[in-house]
Amino acid sequence: MESTYNRKWAILLVAGIATTVTGIIAYRKYKTQIMNLVDMTKLALVGRTINKIIVHCTATRPSQACTVELIDKWHRERGFDCIGYHYVIYRDGSVHEGRPLSKVGAHCTGQNSDSIGISYCVGVAEDGKTPQDNRTDAQKQALKQLIKELRQAYGDIPVYGHRDFANKACPSFDAKKEYN
């Protein structure tokens, strides 16, 4: 009787260890997946040539609301068919999809067909006029990680600021210098 009991205990113990090891492996795989800010399968299905990343700011105040839905509304009011940016980075560092990557952007005149547009929320001081690099640390890290992931998909493509193509302060810092 004791031998049967010990055998059953040993089987349960081995099964428990196997379940734990499987759980650890699954967790590590999941942790790696959630660290990616973009869905890599979507990047492969773009169907257009990507040669550059262009960084923007929304030119909103730090105290002002800023969401993909709100930007989409602003852009539609300007005659766009949807938000012009492919990605938007909120103040908390979360990355949100805007316009589908398969669709040419509407974020930088003359540069949209072969670029990905990324905007971060804010970019002006509380006065609403003065350009200011007021990105949070979380936004800086998220932007750095997003650019890294986009470069994994499209090669070592250059990063520009909107200001490199237009007479604007946008994105309120030198993206070209910071990311190339």
C-alpha atoms as a PDB file:
ATOM      1  CA  MET A   1       0.000   0.000   0.000  1.00  0.00           C
ATOM      2  CA  GLU A   2       2.794   2.420   0.924  1.00  0.00           C
ATOM      3  CA  SER A   3       4.599   1.626  -2.372  1.00  0.00           C
ATOM      4  CA  THR A   4       1.457   2.500  -4.426  1.00  0.00           C
ATOM      5  CA  TYR A   5       1.026   5.703  -2.415  1.00  0.00           C
ATOM      6  CA  ASN A   6       4.673   6.708  -3.020  1.00  0.00           C
ATOM      7  CA  ARG A   7       4.375   5.909  -6.733  1.00  0.00           C
ATOM      8  CA  LYS A   8       1.224   8.060  -7.059  1.00  0.00           C
ATOM      9  CA  TRP A   9       2.944  10.865  -5.134  1.00  0.00           C
ATOM     10  CA  ALA A  10       6.009  10.666  -7.386  1.00  0.00           C
ATOM     11  CA  ILE A  11       3.815  10.804 -10.518  1.00  0.00           C
ATOM     12  CA  LEU A  12       1.969  13.857  -9.184  1.00  0.00           C
ATOM     13  CA  LEU A  13       5.249  15.505  -8.264  1.00  0.00           C
ATOM     14  CA  VAL A  14       6.737  14.928 -11.750  1.00  0.00           C
ATOM     15  CA  ALA A  15       3.509  16.157 -13.385  1.00  0.00           C
ATOM     16  CA  GLY A  16       3.618  19.272 -11.210  1.00  0.00           C
ATOM     17  CA  ILE A  17       7.229  19.995 -12.120  1.00  0.00           C
ATOM     18  CA  ALA A  18       6.492  19.483 -15.826  1.00  0.00           C
ATOM     19  CA  THR A  19       3.520  21.850 -15.617  1.00  0.00           C
ATOM     20  CA  THR A  20       5.626  24.451 -13.827  1.00  0.00           C
ATOM     21  CA  VAL A  21       8.444  24.197 -16.385  1.00  0.00           C
ATOM     22  CA  THR A  22       5.935  24.460 -19.246  1.00  0.00           C
ATOM     23  CA  GLY A  23       4.410  27.475 -17.554  1.00  0.00           C
ATOM     24  CA  ILE A  24       7.797  29.161 -17.176  1.00  0.00           C
ATOM     25  CA  ILE A  25       8.643  28.540 -20.838  1.00  0.00           C
ATOM     26  CA  ALA A  26       5.237  29.882 -21.927  1.00  0.00           C
ATOM     27  CA  TYR A  27       5.670  32.943 -19.695  1.00  0.00           C
ATOM     28  CA  ARG A  28       9.121  33.713 -21.134  1.00  0.00           C
ATOM     29  CA  LYS A  29       7.742  33.409 -24.674  1.00  0.00           C
ATOM     30  CA  TYR A  30       4.783  35.642 -23.780  1.00  0.00           C
ATOM     31  CA  LYS A  31       7.032  38.182 -22.048  1.00  0.00           C
ATOM     32  CA  THR A  32       9.168  38.421 -25.197  1.00  0.00           C
ATOM     33  CA  GLN A  33       6.064  38.896 -27.323  1.00  0.00           C
ATOM     34  CA  ILE A  34       4.565  41.643 -25.183  1.00  0.00           C
ATOM     35  CA  MET A  35       7.822  43.587 -25.261  1.00  0.00           C
ATOM     36  CA  ASN A  36       7.245  44.168 -29.003  1.00  0.00           C
ATOM     37  CA  LEU A  37       5.264  47.344 -29.567  1.00  0.00           C
ATOM     38  CA  VAL A  38       4.153  46.428 -33.058  1.00  0.00           C
ATOM     39  CA  ASP A  39       2.641  43.342 -34.606  1.00  0.00           C
ATOM     40  CA  MET A  40       5.483  42.071 -36.777  1.00  0.00           C
ATOM     41  CA  THR A  41       3.053  40.204 -39.053  1.00  0.00           C
ATOM     42  CA  LYS A  42       1.394  43.508 -39.962  1.00  0.00           C
ATOM     43  CA  LEU A  43       4.770  44.965 -40.875  1.00  0.00           C
ATOM     44  CA  ALA A  44       5.358  42.195 -43.404  1.00  0.00           C
ATOM     45  CA  LEU A  45       1.985  42.798 -45.076  1.00  0.00           C
ATOM     46  CA  VAL A  46       2.395  46.499 -45.836  1.00  0.00           C
ATOM     47  CA  GLY A  47       2.583  46.098 -49.616  1.00  0.00           C
ATOM     48  CA  ARG A  48       4.527  49.334 -50.178  1.00  0.00           C
ATOM     49  CA  THR A  49       8.180  50.325 -49.966  1.00  0.00           C
ATOM     50  CA  ILE A  50       9.229  51.928 -46.691  1.00  0.00           C
ATOM     51  CA  ASN A  51      12.394  54.050 -46.882  1.00  0.00           C
ATOM     52  CA  LYS A  52      12.119  56.310 -43.851  1.00  0.00           C
ATOM     53  CA  ILE A  53      10.438  57.093 -40.572  1.00  0.00           C
ATOM     54  CA  ILE A  54       9.177  60.608 -39.913  1.00  0.00           C
ATOM     55  CA  VAL A  55       8.602  61.723 -36.326  1.00  0.00           C
ATOM     56  CA  HIS A  56       5.978  64.331 -35.440  1.00  0.00           C
ATOM     57  CA  CYS A  57       4.413  65.893 -32.393  1.00  0.00           C
ATOM     58  CA  THR A  58       0.737  66.734 -32.024  1.00  0.00           C
ATOM     59  CA  ALA A  59       1.568  70.308 -30.938  1.00  0.00           C
ATOM     60  CA  THR A  60      -0.721  69.902 -27.948  1.00  0.00           C
ATOM     61  CA  ARG A  61      -0.101  71.142 -24.416  1.00  0.00           C
ATOM     62  CA  PRO A  62       0.870  68.649 -21.700  1.00  0.00           C
ATOM     63  CA  SER A  63      -2.475  69.279 -19.980  1.00  0.00           C
ATOM     64  CA  GLN A  64      -4.480  68.796 -23.181  1.00  0.00           C
ATOM     65  CA  ALA A  65      -6.287  65.567 -24.093  1.00  0.00           C
ATOM     66  CA  CYS A  66      -4.677  63.632 -26.921  1.00  0.00           C
ATOM     67  CA  THR A  67      -5.840  60.277 -28.272  1.00  0.00           C
ATOM     68  CA  VAL A  68      -5.851  58.507 -31.627  1.00  0.00           C
ATOM     69  CA  GLU A  69      -9.597  59.131 -31.810  1.00  0.00           C
ATOM     70  CA  LEU A  70      -9.163  62.839 -31.175  1.00  0.00           C
ATOM     71  CA  ILE A  71      -6.362  63.181 -33.733  1.00  0.00           C
ATOM     72  CA  ASP A  72      -8.494  61.232 -36.220  1.00  0.00           C
ATOM     73  CA  LYS A  73     -11.297  63.764 -35.637  1.00  0.00           C
ATOM     74  CA  TRP A  74      -8.922  66.709 -36.165  1.00  0.00           C
ATOM     75  CA  HIS A  75      -7.534  65.200 -39.367  1.00  0.00           C
ATOM     76  CA  ARG A  76     -11.008  64.419 -40.744  1.00  0.00           C
ATOM     77  CA  GLU A  77     -11.983  68.031 -40.060  1.00  0.00           C
ATOM     78  CA  ARG A  78      -9.017  69.004 -42.277  1.00  0.00           C
ATOM     79  CA  GLY A  79     -10.313  66.764 -45.079  1.00  0.00           C
ATOM     80  CA  PHE A  80      -8.268  63.605 -44.482  1.00  0.00           C
ATOM     81  CA  ASP A  81     -10.081  60.274 -44.767  1.00  0.00           C
ATOM     82  CA  CYS A  82      -8.622  59.187 -41.409  1.00  0.00           C
ATOM     83  CA  ILE A  83      -5.761  59.924 -39.029  1.00  0.00           C
ATOM     84  CA  GLY A  84      -2.583  60.713 -40.962  1.00  0.00           C
ATOM     85  CA  TYR A  85      -0.075  59.073 -38.591  1.00  0.00           C
ATOM     86  CA  HIS A  86       0.606  55.344 -38.507  1.00  0.00           C
ATOM     87  CA  TYR A  87       1.470  55.366 -34.792  1.00  0.00           C
ATOM     88  CA  VAL A  88       0.771  57.682 -31.874  1.00  0.00           C
ATOM     89  CA  ILE A  89       2.648  57.567 -28.573  1.00  0.00           C
ATOM     90  CA  TYR A  90       0.700  58.749 -25.533  1.00  0.00           C
ATOM     91  CA  ARG A  91       2.302  60.481 -22.542  1.00  0.00           C
ATOM     92  CA  ASP A  92       2.276  57.208 -20.591  1.00  0.00           C
ATOM     93  CA  GLY A  93       4.466  55.637 -23.297  1.00  0.00           C
ATOM     94  CA  SER A  94       1.773  53.431 -24.763  1.00  0.00           C
ATOM     95  CA  VAL A  95       1.940  53.020 -28.537  1.00  0.00           C
ATOM     96  CA  HIS A  96      -1.306  53.130 -30.498  1.00  0.00           C
ATOM     97  CA  GLU A  97      -1.947  52.270 -34.120  1.00  0.00           C
ATOM     98  CA  GLY A  98      -3.420  55.005 -36.256  1.00  0.00           C
ATOM     99  CA  ARG A  99      -3.635  54.730 -40.034  1.00  0.00           C
ATOM    100  CA  PRO A 100      -2.968  51.186 -41.276  1.00  0.00           C
ATOM    101  CA  LEU A 101       0.624  50.697 -42.445  1.00  0.00           C
ATOM    102  CA  SER A 102      -0.640  49.396 -45.768  1.00  0.00           C
ATOM    103  CA  LYS A 103      -2.133  52.827 -46.413  1.00  0.00           C
ATOM    104  CA  VAL A 104       0.048  55.752 -47.498  1.00  0.00           C
ATOM    105  CA  GLY A 105       0.326  58.248 -44.670  1.00  0.00           C
ATOM    106  CA  ALA A 106      -0.971  61.818 -44.572  1.00  0.00           C
ATOM    107  CA  HIS A 107       1.612  63.382 -42.293  1.00  0.00           C
ATOM    108  CA  CYS A 108       4.335  65.054 -44.400  1.00  0.00           C
ATOM    109  CA  THR A 109       3.698  66.591 -47.809  1.00  0.00           C
ATOM    110  CA  GLY A 110       5.809  64.968 -50.518  1.00  0.00           C
ATOM    111  CA  GLN A 111       7.131  62.235 -48.195  1.00  0.00           C
ATOM    112  CA  ASN A 112       4.101  60.085 -47.420  1.00  0.00           C
ATOM    113  CA  SER A 113       4.333  57.339 -50.048  1.00  0.00           C
ATOM    114  CA  ASP A 114       7.484  55.670 -48.695  1.00  0.00           C
ATOM    115  CA  SER A 115       7.432  56.588 -45.013  1.00  0.00           C
ATOM    116  CA  ILE A 116       5.925  55.673 -41.687  1.00  0.00           C
ATOM    117  CA  GLY A 117       4.588  58.584 -39.649  1.00  0.00           C
ATOM    118  CA  ILE A 118       4.915  58.461 -35.872  1.00  0.00           C
ATOM    119  CA  SER A 119       3.593  61.207 -33.633  1.00  0.00           C
ATOM    120  CA  TYR A 120       3.924  61.667 -29.929  1.00  0.00           C
ATOM    121  CA  CYS A 121       1.331  63.571 -27.919  1.00  0.00           C
ATOM    122  CA  VAL A 122       2.391  67.105 -26.834  1.00  0.00           C
ATOM    123  CA  GLY A 123       5.217  69.188 -28.282  1.00  0.00           C
ATOM    124  CA  VAL A 124       4.318  72.692 -27.159  1.00  0.00           C
ATOM    125  CA  ALA A 125       4.484  74.481 -23.817  1.00  0.00           C
ATOM    126  CA  GLU A 126       1.368  75.203 -21.757  1.00  0.00           C
ATOM    127  CA  ASP A 127       1.011  78.516 -23.614  1.00  0.00           C
ATOM    128  CA  GLY A 128      -0.004  76.422 -26.655  1.00  0.00           C
ATOM    129  CA  LYS A 129       2.440  78.269 -28.913  1.00  0.00           C
ATOM    130  CA  THR A 130       6.046  77.737 -27.866  1.00  0.00           C
ATOM    131  CA  PRO A 131       7.610  74.536 -29.269  1.00  0.00           C
ATOM    132  CA  GLN A 132       8.915  72.427 -26.399  1.00  0.00           C
ATOM    133  CA  ASP A 133      10.453  68.979 -26.184  1.00  0.00           C
ATOM    134  CA  ASN A 134       8.257  67.877 -23.316  1.00  0.00           C
ATOM    135  CA  ARG A 135       8.246  64.168 -24.081  1.00  0.00           C
ATOM    136  CA  THR A 136       8.027  62.012 -21.001  1.00  0.00           C
ATOM    137  CA  ASP A 137      10.721  59.426 -20.305  1.00  0.00           C
ATOM    138  CA  ALA A 138       8.125  56.782 -21.143  1.00  0.00           C
ATOM    139  CA  GLN A 139       7.525  58.394 -24.551  1.00  0.00           C
ATOM    140  CA  LYS A 140      11.246  58.596 -25.260  1.00  0.00           C
ATOM    141  CA  GLN A 141      11.690  54.906 -24.456  1.00  0.00           C
ATOM    142  CA  ALA A 142       8.627  53.877 -26.448  1.00  0.00           C
ATOM    143  CA  LEU A 143       9.745  55.876 -29.481  1.00  0.00           C
ATOM    144  CA  LYS A 144      13.217  54.364 -29.290  1.00  0.00           C
ATOM    145  CA  GLN A 145      11.763  50.835 -29.063  1.00  0.00           C
ATOM    146  CA  LEU A 146       9.245  51.449 -31.865  1.00  0.00           C
ATOM    147  CA  ILE A 147      11.987  52.723 -34.185  1.00  0.00           C
ATOM    148  CA  LYS A 148      14.111  49.683 -33.313  1.00  0.00           C
ATOM    149  CA  GLU A 149      11.270  47.328 -34.206  1.00  0.00           C
ATOM    150  CA  LEU A 150      10.472  49.160 -37.445  1.00  0.00           C
ATOM    151  CA  ARG A 151      14.130  48.961 -38.431  1.00  0.00           C
ATOM    152  CA  GLN A 152      14.116  45.219 -37.739  1.00  0.00           C
ATOM    153  CA  ALA A 153      11.339  44.937 -40.295  1.00  0.00           C
ATOM    154  CA  TYR A 154      12.539  47.462 -42.905  1.00  0.00           C
ATOM    155  CA  GLY A 155      16.304  47.631 -42.471  1.00  0.00           C
ATOM    156  CA  ASP A 156      18.378  50.476 -41.129  1.00  0.00           C
ATOM    157  CA  ILE A 157      16.115  53.174 -42.550  1.00  0.00           C
ATOM    158  CA  PRO A 158      16.761  56.794 -41.563  1.00  0.00           C
ATOM    159  CA  VAL A 159      14.654  58.728 -39.091  1.00  0.00           C
ATOM    160  CA  TYR A 160      13.674  62.330 -39.745  1.00  0.00           C
ATOM    161  CA  GLY A 161      11.644  64.938 -37.996  1.00  0.00           C
ATOM    162  CA  HIS A 162       8.780  66.657 -39.790  1.00  0.00           C
ATOM    163  CA  ARG A 163      10.892  69.811 -39.570  1.00  0.00           C
ATOM    164  CA  ASP A 164      13.456  68.256 -41.930  1.00  0.00           C
ATOM    165  CA  PHE A 165      10.867  68.529 -44.724  1.00  0.00           C
ATOM    166  CA  ALA A 166       8.808  71.580 -43.713  1.00  0.00           C
ATOM    167  CA  ASN A 167       9.313  74.992 -42.176  1.00  0.00           C
ATOM    168  CA  LYS A 168       8.019  73.827 -38.780  1.00  0.00           C
ATOM    169  CA  ALA A 169       9.410  73.136 -35.334  1.00  0.00           C
ATOM    170  CA  CYS A 170       7.691  69.717 -35.332  1.00  0.00           C
ATOM    171  CA  PRO A 171       8.565  67.479 -33.512  1.00  0.00           C
ATOM    172  CA  SER A 172      10.169  70.057 -31.178  1.00  0.00           C
ATOM    173  CA  PHE A 173      13.496  68.165 -31.061  1.00  0.00           C
ATOM    174  CA  ASP A 174      16.061  66.989 -33.615  1.00  0.00           C
ATOM    175  CA  ALA A 175      14.839  63.476 -34.414  1.00  0.00           C
ATOM    176  CA  LYS A 176      17.433  63.049 -37.155  1.00  0.00           C
ATOM    177  CA  LYS A 177      20.263  63.678 -34.689  1.00  0.00           C
ATOM    178  CA  GLU A 178      18.720  61.621 -31.892  1.00  0.00           C
ATOM    179  CA  TYR A 179      17.888  58.453 -33.850  1.00  0.00           C
ATOM    180  CA  ASN A 180      20.464  58.166 -36.658  1.00  0.00           C
END
